[in-house]
Protein backbone atom coordinates (compact mmCIF):
# COMPACT_ATOMS: atom_id res chain seq x y z
CA UNK A 1 0.00 0.00 0.00
CA UNK A 2 2.83 2.35 0.86
CA UNK A 3 4.58 1.58 -2.46
CA UNK A 4 1.43 2.35 -4.46
CA UNK A 5 0.99 5.65 -2.61
CA UNK A 6 4.57 6.66 -3.38
CA UNK A 7 4.14 5.74 -7.06
CA UNK A 8 0.93 7.78 -7.31
CA UNK A 9 2.62 10.76 -5.67
CA UNK A 10 5.58 10.62 -8.06
CA UNK A 11 3.28 10.40 -11.12
CA UNK A 12 1.28 13.44 -9.96
CA UNK A 13 4.50 15.33 -9.32
CA UNK A 14 5.76 14.51 -12.83
CA UNK A 15 2.49 15.64 -14.44
CA UNK A 16 2.49 18.89 -12.47
CA UNK A 17 6.12 19.55 -13.43
CA UNK A 18 5.31 18.98 -17.11
CA UNK A 19 2.32 21.36 -16.92
CA UNK A 20 4.43 24.00 -15.18
CA UNK A 21 7.16 23.71 -17.85
CA UNK A 22 4.58 24.11 -20.64
CA UNK A 23 3.03 27.11 -18.93
CA UNK A 24 6.42 28.81 -18.55
CA UNK A 25 7.25 28.12 -22.18
CA UNK A 26 3.91 29.59 -23.30
CA UNK A 27 4.47 32.68 -21.17
CA UNK A 28 7.91 33.20 -22.70
CA UNK A 29 6.30 33.15 -26.16
CA UNK A 30 8.91 30.99 -27.87
CA UNK A 31 7.26 28.51 -30.32
CA UNK A 32 10.36 26.40 -30.83
CA UNK A 33 11.11 26.29 -27.12
CA UNK A 34 7.61 24.96 -26.48
CA UNK A 35 8.20 21.79 -28.49
CA UNK A 36 11.57 21.31 -26.81
CA UNK A 37 9.92 21.48 -23.40
CA UNK A 38 7.15 19.13 -24.53
CA UNK A 39 9.67 16.53 -25.74
CA UNK A 40 11.70 16.87 -22.57
CA UNK A 41 8.56 16.50 -20.48
CA UNK A 42 7.50 13.32 -22.35
CA UNK A 43 10.99 11.83 -22.02
CA UNK A 44 11.09 12.71 -18.35
CA UNK A 45 7.68 11.20 -17.77
CA UNK A 46 8.73 8.01 -19.59
CA UNK A 47 11.90 7.77 -17.53
CA UNK A 48 9.90 8.39 -14.38
CA UNK A 49 7.50 5.54 -15.24
CA UNK A 50 10.44 3.20 -15.84
CA UNK A 51 11.94 4.28 -12.52
CA UNK A 52 8.64 3.63 -10.78
CA UNK A 53 8.40 0.16 -12.29
CA UNK A 54 11.95 -0.66 -11.27
CA UNK A 55 11.61 0.96 -7.86
CA UNK A 56 9.52 -1.92 -6.49
CA UNK A 57 12.26 -4.40 -7.45
CA UNK A 58 15.23 -2.34 -6.31
CA UNK A 59 15.04 -3.52 -2.71
CA UNK A 60 14.79 -7.15 -3.79
CA UNK A 61 17.64 -6.73 -6.26
CA UNK A 62 19.85 -5.08 -3.66
CA UNK A 63 18.99 -7.71 -1.04
CA UNK A 64 19.78 -10.55 -3.47
CA UNK A 65 22.96 -8.88 -4.64
CA UNK A 66 24.23 -8.30 -1.11
CA UNK A 67 23.50 -11.97 -0.28
CA UNK A 68 25.52 -13.28 -3.26
CA UNK A 69 22.27 -14.58 -4.79
CA UNK A 70 22.00 -11.97 -7.50
CA UNK A 71 18.85 -11.84 -9.61
CA UNK A 72 18.79 -9.56 -12.62
CA UNK A 73 16.15 -6.77 -12.74
CA UNK A 74 14.98 -8.21 -16.06
CA UNK A 75 14.23 -11.52 -14.35
CA UNK A 76 12.26 -9.68 -11.67
CA UNK A 77 10.17 -7.87 -14.27
CA UNK A 78 9.62 -11.11 -16.18
CA UNK A 79 8.39 -12.78 -12.98
CA UNK A 80 5.73 -10.12 -12.61
CA UNK A 81 4.46 -10.72 -16.14
CA UNK A 82 4.39 -14.49 -15.47
CA UNK A 83 2.21 -13.96 -12.36
CA UNK A 84 5.00 -15.01 -10.01
CA UNK A 85 5.61 -13.27 -6.69
CA UNK A 86 9.25 -12.13 -6.92
CA UNK A 87 9.59 -11.99 -3.14
CA UNK A 88 9.00 -15.76 -2.84
CA UNK A 89 11.64 -16.55 -5.46
CA UNK A 90 14.25 -14.05 -4.25
CA UNK A 91 13.94 -14.81 -0.53
CA UNK A 92 14.09 -18.57 -1.05
CA UNK A 93 17.03 -18.25 -3.44
CA UNK A 94 18.84 -16.22 -0.78
CA UNK A 95 18.13 -18.94 1.79
CA UNK A 96 19.38 -21.64 -0.60
CA UNK A 97 22.57 -19.77 -1.50
CA UNK A 98 23.34 -18.98 2.13
CA UNK A 99 22.94 -22.70 2.93
CA UNK A 100 25.25 -23.67 0.07
CA UNK A 101 22.57 -25.19 -2.15
CA UNK A 102 23.08 -24.83 -5.93
CA UNK A 103 19.51 -23.89 -6.74
CA UNK A 104 18.84 -21.52 -9.62
CA UNK A 105 16.07 -18.99 -10.06
CA UNK A 106 14.70 -20.95 -12.98
CA UNK A 107 14.31 -24.07 -10.82
CA UNK A 108 12.43 -22.12 -8.16
CA UNK A 109 10.12 -20.56 -10.76
CA UNK A 110 9.46 -23.92 -12.42
CA UNK A 111 8.47 -25.58 -9.14
CA UNK A 112 6.26 -22.67 -8.12
CA UNK A 113 4.46 -22.67 -11.47
CA UNK A 114 3.95 -26.44 -11.11
CA UNK A 115 1.96 -25.84 -7.96
CA UNK A 116 4.70 -26.75 -5.51
CA UNK A 117 5.57 -25.22 -2.17
CA UNK A 118 8.93 -23.54 -2.77
CA UNK A 119 9.50 -22.51 0.83
CA UNK A 120 8.82 -26.02 2.16
CA UNK A 121 11.12 -27.65 -0.40
CA UNK A 122 13.97 -25.24 0.29
CA UNK A 123 13.55 -25.68 4.04
CA UNK A 124 13.64 -29.47 3.67
CA UNK A 125 16.79 -29.33 1.52
CA UNK A 126 18.50 -27.09 4.07
CA UNK A 127 17.51 -29.41 6.93
CA UNK A 128 18.66 -32.47 4.96
CA UNK A 129 22.04 -30.90 4.23
CA UNK A 130 22.56 -29.93 7.85
CA UNK A 131 21.68 -33.47 8.91
CA UNK A 132 23.89 -34.95 6.15
CA UNK A 133 20.96 -36.74 4.51
CA UNK A 134 21.05 -37.35 0.77
CA UNK A 135 18.26 -35.36 -0.87
CA UNK A 136 18.50 -33.66 -4.24
CA UNK A 137 16.29 -30.96 -5.72
CA UNK A 138 14.40 -33.20 -8.17
CA UNK A 139 13.53 -35.78 -5.49
CA UNK A 140 12.36 -33.10 -3.08
CA UNK A 141 10.18 -31.50 -5.77
CA UNK A 142 8.71 -34.87 -6.76
CA UNK A 143 7.81 -35.65 -3.14
CA UNK A 144 6.25 -32.22 -2.68
CA UNK A 145 4.22 -32.41 -5.90
CA UNK A 146 3.03 -35.90 -4.89
CA UNK A 147 1.26 -34.35 -1.93
CA UNK A 148 3.66 -35.58 0.76
CA UNK A 149 5.00 -33.23 3.42
CA UNK A 150 8.67 -33.25 2.49
CA UNK A 151 9.70 -31.18 5.51
CA UNK A 152 7.98 -33.60 7.89
CA UNK A 153 9.66 -36.49 6.06
CA UNK A 154 13.09 -34.93 6.57
CA UNK A 155 12.31 -34.23 10.22
CA UNK A 156 11.28 -37.87 10.65
CA UNK A 157 14.59 -38.93 9.11
CA UNK A 158 16.43 -36.80 11.64
CA UNK A 159 14.11 -37.50 14.58
CA UNK A 160 12.62 -41.03 14.21
CA UNK A 161 8.93 -41.46 14.85
CA UNK A 162 7.26 -44.04 17.08
CA UNK A 163 4.16 -45.82 15.76
CA UNK A 164 1.75 -47.68 18.02
CA UNK A 165 0.82 -51.15 16.83
CA UNK A 166 -2.09 -51.57 16.69
CA UNK A 167 -3.31 -48.03 16.23
CA UNK A 168 -5.82 -47.28 19.05
CA UNK A 169 -7.65 -44.81 16.81
CA UNK A 170 -8.75 -47.73 14.60
CA UNK A 171 -10.69 -49.34 17.45
CA UNK A 172 -8.22 -52.06 18.52
CA UNK A 173 -5.96 -51.76 21.54
CA UNK A 174 -4.13 -55.11 21.36
CA UNK A 175 -2.92 -57.69 18.88
CA UNK A 176 -4.54 -61.01 19.80
CA UNK A 177 -2.82 -64.29 18.95
CA UNK A 178 -3.02 -67.90 20.17
CA UNK A 179 -0.01 -70.07 21.02
CA UNK A 180 0.07 -73.78 20.22
CA UNK A 181 -1.11 -74.69 23.70
CA UNK A 182 -4.36 -72.83 23.02
CA UNK A 183 -3.75 -69.85 25.34
CA UNK A 184 -4.54 -66.41 23.92
CA UNK A 185 -2.01 -63.59 24.31
CA UNK A 186 -2.76 -59.89 23.93
CA UNK A 187 0.25 -57.84 22.83
CA UNK A 188 0.99 -54.18 22.18
CA UNK A 189 4.06 -53.07 20.25
CA UNK A 190 5.80 -49.80 19.46
CA UNK A 191 7.60 -49.48 16.15
CA UNK A 192 10.36 -46.88 15.72
CA UNK A 193 10.73 -45.76 12.10
CA UNK A 194 12.45 -43.11 10.09
CA UNK A 195 11.65 -41.88 6.62
CA UNK A 196 13.26 -43.57 3.64
CA UNK A 197 13.42 -40.55 1.31
CA UNK A 198 14.40 -42.61 -1.72
CA UNK A 199 11.13 -44.57 -1.50
CA UNK A 200 8.85 -41.82 -0.23
CA UNK A 201 7.26 -41.46 -3.67
CA UNK A 202 5.34 -44.65 -4.35
CA UNK A 203 6.23 -46.25 -1.00
CA UNK A 204 3.64 -47.72 1.37
CA UNK A 205 2.45 -45.65 4.32
CA UNK A 206 2.22 -46.17 8.10
CA UNK A 207 -0.88 -48.36 7.78
CA UNK A 208 1.17 -50.95 5.87
CA UNK A 209 3.87 -50.93 8.56
CA UNK A 210 1.26 -51.46 11.29
CA UNK A 211 -0.42 -54.27 9.33
CA UNK A 212 2.86 -56.08 8.61
CA UNK A 213 4.10 -55.80 12.19
CA UNK A 214 0.76 -57.06 13.49
CA UNK A 215 0.88 -60.00 11.09
CA UNK A 216 4.44 -60.82 12.17
CA UNK A 217 3.53 -60.75 15.88
CA UNK A 218 0.52 -63.02 15.33
CA UNK A 219 2.66 -65.45 13.33
CA UNK A 220 5.45 -65.47 15.94
CA UNK A 221 3.08 -66.12 18.85
CA UNK A 222 1.19 -68.75 16.87
CA UNK A 223 4.38 -70.69 16.17
CA UNK A 224 5.41 -70.76 19.86
CA UNK A 225 5.02 -74.12 21.61
CA UNK A 226 3.70 -72.57 24.79
CA UNK A 227 2.48 -69.16 25.88
CA UNK A 228 4.90 -69.38 28.81
CA UNK A 229 7.88 -69.24 26.45
CA UNK A 230 6.47 -66.08 24.88
CA UNK A 231 5.98 -64.48 28.30
CA UNK A 232 9.49 -65.47 29.35
CA UNK A 233 11.19 -64.04 26.23
CA UNK A 234 9.02 -61.40 24.53
CA UNK A 235 12.14 -60.02 22.83
CA UNK A 236 12.18 -63.15 20.66
CA UNK A 237 9.07 -61.81 18.97
CA UNK A 238 10.86 -58.55 18.13
CA UNK A 239 13.89 -60.38 16.73
CA UNK A 240 11.75 -62.71 14.63
CA UNK A 241 9.63 -59.87 13.22
CA UNK A 242 12.64 -57.64 12.54
CA UNK A 243 14.34 -60.43 10.58
CA UNK A 244 11.48 -60.52 8.06
CA UNK A 245 12.29 -57.18 6.43
CA UNK A 246 8.81 -55.75 6.91
CA UNK A 247 9.87 -52.28 5.69
CA UNK A 248 10.47 -53.51 2.13
CA UNK A 249 8.63 -51.34 -0.38
CA UNK A 250 7.52 -48.82 2.23
CA UNK A 251 8.37 -45.16 2.76
CA UNK A 252 9.93 -45.96 6.14
CA UNK A 253 12.87 -47.83 7.57
CA UNK A 254 12.10 -49.82 10.72
CA UNK A 255 14.72 -49.17 13.38
CA UNK A 256 13.25 -51.29 16.17
CA UNK A 257 10.14 -53.20 17.22
CA UNK A 258 9.55 -53.24 20.96
CA UNK A 259 6.86 -55.25 22.78
CA UNK A 260 5.36 -52.65 25.10
CA UNK A 261 2.96 -55.00 26.88
CA UNK A 262 1.73 -58.58 26.70
CA UNK A 263 -1.14 -60.08 28.68
CA UNK A 264 -2.70 -63.54 28.96
CA UNK A 265 -6.19 -63.81 27.53
CA UNK A 266 -8.65 -66.69 27.52
CA UNK A 267 -8.01 -70.37 26.93
CA UNK A 268 -9.07 -70.46 23.31
CA UNK A 269 -8.09 -74.12 22.91
CA UNK A 270 -10.33 -75.29 25.76
CA UNK A 271 -13.17 -73.10 24.53
CA UNK A 272 -12.84 -74.55 21.05
CA UNK A 273 -12.84 -78.09 22.45
CA UNK A 274 -15.93 -77.30 24.51
CA UNK A 275 -17.69 -75.86 21.50
CA UNK A 276 -16.68 -78.90 19.47
CA UNK A 277 -17.97 -81.25 22.16
CA UNK A 278 -21.28 -79.40 22.30
CA UNK A 279 -21.52 -79.54 18.52
CA UNK A 280 -20.75 -83.29 18.54
CA UNK A 281 -23.38 -83.85 21.24
CA UNK A 282 -25.98 -82.09 19.16
CA UNK A 283 -24.98 -84.14 16.13
CA UNK A 284 -25.24 -87.42 18.07
CA UNK A 285 -28.58 -86.35 19.55
CA UNK A 286 -29.85 -85.57 16.07
CA UNK A 287 -28.65 -88.97 14.80
CA UNK A 288 -30.28 -90.77 17.77
CA UNK A 289 -33.51 -88.91 17.22
CA UNK A 290 -33.32 -89.85 13.58
CA UNK A 291 -32.83 -93.53 14.43
CA UNK A 292 -35.71 -93.40 16.98
CA UNK A 293 -38.01 -91.84 14.43
CA UNK A 294 -37.00 -94.47 11.90
CA UNK A 295 -37.67 -97.24 14.43
CA UNK A 296 -41.11 -95.82 15.24
CA UNK A 297 -41.89 -95.54 11.58
CA UNK A 298 -40.71 -99.10 10.97
CA UNK A 299 -42.83 -100.34 13.92
CA UNK A 300 -45.88 -98.67 12.46
CA UNK A 301 -45.09 -100.25 9.13
CA UNK A 302 -44.87 -103.70 10.77
CA UNK A 303 -48.18 -103.15 12.59
CA UNK A 304 -49.80 -102.15 9.35
CA UNK A 305 -48.40 -105.26 7.71
CA UNK A 306 -49.78 -107.45 10.53
CA UNK A 307 -53.22 -105.94 10.18
CA UNK A 308 -53.01 -106.43 6.47
CA UNK A 309 -52.13 -110.13 6.92
CA UNK A 310 -54.95 -110.57 9.47
CA UNK A 311 -57.35 -109.11 6.98
CA UNK A 312 -56.08 -111.59 4.40
CA UNK A 313 -56.61 -114.46 6.91
CA UNK A 314 -60.16 -113.29 7.58
CA UNK A 315 -60.78 -113.17 3.86
CA UNK A 316 -59.35 -116.64 3.46
CA UNK A 317 -61.49 -118.01 6.32
CA UNK A 318 -64.55 -116.45 4.69
CA UNK A 319 -63.80 -118.52 1.59
CA UNK A 320 -64.05 -121.84 3.56
CA UNK A 321 -67.87 -121.95 3.87
CA UNK A 322 -68.11 -121.05 0.21
CA UNK A 323 -65.78 -123.91 -0.66
CA UNK A 324 -67.73 -126.34 1.51
CA UNK A 325 -71.00 -125.30 -0.09
CA UNK A 326 -69.48 -125.77 -3.48
CA UNK A 327 -68.25 -129.23 -2.42
CA UNK A 328 -71.78 -130.13 -1.24
CA UNK A 329 -73.24 -129.05 -4.59
CA UNK A 330 -70.65 -130.97 -6.57
CA UNK A 331 -71.03 -134.13 -4.46
CA UNK A 332 -67.43 -134.00 -3.24
CA UNK A 333 -68.45 -133.55 0.40
CA UNK A 334 -71.24 -135.41 2.23
CA UNK A 335 -73.29 -135.02 5.38
CA UNK A 336 -71.28 -137.62 7.22
CA UNK A 337 -68.06 -135.87 6.26
CA UNK A 338 -69.43 -132.64 7.54
CA UNK A 339 -70.51 -134.29 10.80
CA UNK A 340 -67.11 -135.80 11.37
CA UNK A 341 -65.57 -132.39 10.77
CA UNK A 342 -67.81 -130.86 13.43
CA UNK A 343 -66.89 -133.62 15.88
CA UNK A 344 -63.22 -133.03 15.28
CA UNK A 345 -63.64 -129.30 15.89
CA UNK A 346 -65.52 -130.02 19.14
CA UNK A 347 -62.82 -132.42 20.37
CA UNK A 348 -60.17 -129.87 19.54
CA UNK A 349 -62.00 -127.16 21.42
CA UNK A 350 -62.43 -129.44 24.47
CA UNK A 351 -58.76 -130.36 24.54
CA UNK A 352 -57.81 -126.70 24.34
CA UNK A 353 -60.10 -125.91 27.24
CA UNK A 354 -58.65 -128.72 29.36
CA UNK A 355 -55.07 -127.70 28.57
CA UNK A 356 -55.69 -124.04 29.43
CA UNK A 357 -55.21 -123.61 33.25
CA UNK A 358 -57.08 -120.28 33.26
CA UNK A 359 -60.15 -121.78 31.64
CA UNK A 360 -63.08 -122.69 33.87
CA UNK A 361 -63.77 -125.95 32.07
CA UNK A 362 -61.09 -127.90 33.94
CA UNK A 363 -62.58 -127.21 37.40
CA UNK A 364 -63.38 -130.26 39.59
CA UNK A 365 -66.93 -131.69 39.38
CA UNK A 366 -69.44 -130.25 41.81
CA UNK A 367 -67.43 -127.06 42.36
């Protein structure tokens, strides 16, 4: 705002000076002198406009020059026409030069026009150089344009970060695994990582690290013969998991895996056996019920068959009188034959009565 006010004041002063010069020339009455003053006024006004345009870049030019990061005035003017804030370019070039980074103005402009964060990239390069971490300009720009926080990545390389496994924010507080003896163990681990800048673009994130470490802990506990061995030497889990190279293809390098806590859970093996026994009992009960139902059905079938056979006997017995009548008509059976048959039936009935102890026919005489 102050610069615009100064520019407006200078323009007004130049216009007033030109009007005053023309008025003096008209009062003097010299025709030739008038055109001379007009030309001088136009030239002066043109030079004043150029000075005003350059005035806003003078401080930046002087600051860059005094910092051994010189930027030509033409480059500053060109930045303005390309919609680039010269202050961002000049100040970050000064920072880079003072830190000993060979970054040119063209590189800064290119990254800014690409939508990158010039200040963040320069700060990360300075921090990486101070920490003696390999990081070049192209890699830093690629990481920044990929949406990653390059400065945070460099800080994590210098100051390693600790990741909780599992992440409590995801709803799980422990990693549950079962040893071979069937006892459940609940573990919590802390993973110390630092950024692998060479794989930050395209590398897997923290979620992959947490998932791989959790998988390794579950596998290590599951392969243990007894939960007591795991409780006695929890560091064996860390060594086993570390030896698997879980940081392969990720944006981090795992420095250590520490078991923060491990607790004994339920007896999963016994519970599974109990559930299996209950399931087997239900299966056997279902099979027994099936066999009982089949037996009842078979019994009913047998009873139906008996009744059917009795009906056939009754039908057969009903045919006997018909056969006898037919024999009488045909002369194959006589009255005497029929009488003998009745006598035989009577004798048979009497013998049955005598042989039956429950029958009243075998009671003594006179009783």
